[in-house]
């Protein structure tokens, strides 16, 4: 498609264990245009990158709940929230 970028840059907001392991609370990643939120995992910093999402993870795209198949566009802010355990 003419005028469509080949890739997009999104900001990932990290919380809890992901933030601790990455050593920061945000990162910017580049994804192919047309990607969904599920594509973020291999593109994350090496300390937290993985092939697929951990079980029970939740997402918010631009401050609204989203699922893993939500498309991302340049400039999106994707919050990644792992499940919380405790009693």
C-alpha atoms as a PDB file:
ATOM      1  CA  UNK A   1       0.000   0.000   0.000  1.00  0.00           C
ATOM      2  CA  UNK A   2       1.409   3.383  -0.992  1.00  0.00           C
ATOM      3  CA  UNK A   3       2.324   5.633   1.915  1.00  0.00           C
ATOM      4  CA  UNK A   4       2.119   2.908   4.574  1.00  0.00           C
ATOM      5  CA  UNK A   5       5.245   2.768   6.736  1.00  0.00           C
ATOM      6  CA  UNK A   6       7.198  -0.483   6.892  1.00  0.00           C
ATOM      7  CA  UNK A   7       7.464  -0.270  10.663  1.00  0.00           C
ATOM      8  CA  UNK A   8       6.028   1.552  13.664  1.00  0.00           C
ATOM      9  CA  UNK A   9       7.576   2.644  16.957  1.00  0.00           C
ATOM     10  CA  UNK A  10       5.527   2.116  20.120  1.00  0.00           C
ATOM     11  CA  UNK A  11       6.246   2.813  23.779  1.00  0.00           C
ATOM     12  CA  UNK A  12       5.917  -0.085  26.194  1.00  0.00           C
ATOM     13  CA  UNK A  13       5.076   0.674  29.830  1.00  0.00           C
ATOM     14  CA  UNK A  14       6.475  -1.978  32.167  1.00  0.00           C
ATOM     15  CA  UNK A  15       5.232  -2.763  35.659  1.00  0.00           C
ATOM     16  CA  UNK A  16       6.190  -4.998  38.593  1.00  0.00           C
ATOM     17  CA  UNK A  17       8.495  -7.924  37.724  1.00  0.00           C
ATOM     18  CA  UNK A  18       8.913  -6.834  34.097  1.00  0.00           C
ATOM     19  CA  UNK A  19      10.069  -3.393  35.225  1.00  0.00           C
ATOM     20  CA  UNK A  20      12.430  -4.940  37.761  1.00  0.00           C
ATOM     21  CA  UNK A  21      13.978  -7.351  35.256  1.00  0.00           C
ATOM     22  CA  UNK A  22      14.293  -4.711  32.519  1.00  0.00           C
ATOM     23  CA  UNK A  23      15.714  -2.128  34.917  1.00  0.00           C
ATOM     24  CA  UNK A  24      13.391   0.576  33.599  1.00  0.00           C
ATOM     25  CA  UNK A  25       9.714   1.383  33.397  1.00  0.00           C
ATOM     26  CA  UNK A  26       9.431   2.176  29.684  1.00  0.00           C
ATOM     27  CA  UNK A  27      11.042   1.197  26.429  1.00  0.00           C
ATOM     28  CA  UNK A  28      10.477   1.961  22.780  1.00  0.00           C
ATOM     29  CA  UNK A  29      10.312  -0.896  20.312  1.00  0.00           C
ATOM     30  CA  UNK A  30       9.953  -1.097  16.556  1.00  0.00           C
ATOM     31  CA  UNK A  31       7.417  -3.483  15.057  1.00  0.00           C
ATOM     32  CA  UNK A  32       6.420  -4.232  11.470  1.00  0.00           C
ATOM     33  CA  UNK A  33       3.461  -2.141  10.315  1.00  0.00           C
ATOM     34  CA  UNK A  34       0.200  -4.007  10.819  1.00  0.00           C
ATOM     35  CA  UNK A  35       1.402  -5.787  13.982  1.00  0.00           C
ATOM     36  CA  UNK A  36      -0.833  -6.573  16.912  1.00  0.00           C
ATOM     37  CA  UNK A  37      -0.016  -6.211  20.593  1.00  0.00           C
ATOM     38  CA  UNK A  38       0.985  -9.889  20.744  1.00  0.00           C
ATOM     39  CA  UNK A  39       4.000  -9.067  18.534  1.00  0.00           C
ATOM     40  CA  UNK A  40       5.694  -7.018  21.260  1.00  0.00           C
ATOM     41  CA  UNK A  41       7.223  -9.946  23.166  1.00  0.00           C
ATOM     42  CA  UNK A  42      10.177 -10.851  20.909  1.00  0.00           C
ATOM     43  CA  UNK A  43      10.927  -7.130  20.396  1.00  0.00           C
ATOM     44  CA  UNK A  44      11.241  -6.291  24.108  1.00  0.00           C
ATOM     45  CA  UNK A  45      14.658  -5.741  25.738  1.00  0.00           C
ATOM     46  CA  UNK A  46      16.663  -8.969  26.060  1.00  0.00           C
ATOM     47  CA  UNK A  47      16.070  -9.274  29.830  1.00  0.00           C
ATOM     48  CA  UNK A  48      12.313  -9.689  29.299  1.00  0.00           C
ATOM     49  CA  UNK A  49      11.895 -10.759  25.661  1.00  0.00           C
ATOM     50  CA  UNK A  50      10.154 -14.052  24.938  1.00  0.00           C
ATOM     51  CA  UNK A  51       8.378 -15.712  22.034  1.00  0.00           C
ATOM     52  CA  UNK A  52       4.892 -15.478  23.521  1.00  0.00           C
ATOM     53  CA  UNK A  53       3.136 -13.649  26.320  1.00  0.00           C
ATOM     54  CA  UNK A  54       3.123 -15.071  29.836  1.00  0.00           C
ATOM     55  CA  UNK A  55      -0.182 -16.577  30.962  1.00  0.00           C
ATOM     56  CA  UNK A  56      -2.658 -14.083  32.356  1.00  0.00           C
ATOM     57  CA  UNK A  57      -0.971 -10.937  31.030  1.00  0.00           C
ATOM     58  CA  UNK A  58      -3.238  -7.933  30.401  1.00  0.00           C
ATOM     59  CA  UNK A  59      -2.722  -4.927  28.153  1.00  0.00           C
ATOM     60  CA  UNK A  60      -3.869  -1.351  27.874  1.00  0.00           C
ATOM     61  CA  UNK A  61      -3.400   0.555  24.615  1.00  0.00           C
ATOM     62  CA  UNK A  62      -3.419   4.331  25.046  1.00  0.00           C
ATOM     63  CA  UNK A  63      -5.055   4.007  28.500  1.00  0.00           C
ATOM     64  CA  UNK A  64      -7.853   1.656  27.369  1.00  0.00           C
ATOM     65  CA  UNK A  65      -7.970  -2.101  27.976  1.00  0.00           C
ATOM     66  CA  UNK A  66      -7.005  -4.075  24.892  1.00  0.00           C
ATOM     67  CA  UNK A  67      -6.474  -7.688  23.940  1.00  0.00           C
ATOM     68  CA  UNK A  68      -3.445  -9.305  22.329  1.00  0.00           C
ATOM     69  CA  UNK A  69      -4.960  -9.064  18.836  1.00  0.00           C
ATOM     70  CA  UNK A  70      -5.482  -5.296  18.965  1.00  0.00           C
ATOM     71  CA  UNK A  71      -3.547  -3.611  16.131  1.00  0.00           C
ATOM     72  CA  UNK A  72      -0.832  -1.122  17.056  1.00  0.00           C
ATOM     73  CA  UNK A  73       0.020   2.088  15.251  1.00  0.00           C
ATOM     74  CA  UNK A  74       2.962   4.462  15.512  1.00  0.00           C
ATOM     75  CA  UNK A  75       3.011   6.375  18.776  1.00  0.00           C
ATOM     76  CA  UNK A  76       0.865   3.920  20.760  1.00  0.00           C
ATOM     77  CA  UNK A  77       1.563   3.437  24.468  1.00  0.00           C
ATOM     78  CA  UNK A  78       1.113  -0.200  25.447  1.00  0.00           C
ATOM     79  CA  UNK A  79       0.953  -1.008  29.167  1.00  0.00           C
ATOM     80  CA  UNK A  80       1.887  -4.596  30.017  1.00  0.00           C
ATOM     81  CA  UNK A  81       0.478  -5.905  33.301  1.00  0.00           C
ATOM     82  CA  UNK A  82       1.367  -9.312  34.653  1.00  0.00           C
ATOM     83  CA  UNK A  83      -1.072 -11.099  36.943  1.00  0.00           C
ATOM     84  CA  UNK A  84      -0.661 -10.318  40.630  1.00  0.00           C
ATOM     85  CA  UNK A  85      -0.629 -13.040  43.214  1.00  0.00           C
ATOM     86  CA  UNK A  86      -0.957 -12.816  46.937  1.00  0.00           C
ATOM     87  CA  UNK A  87      -3.390 -13.310  49.667  1.00  0.00           C
END
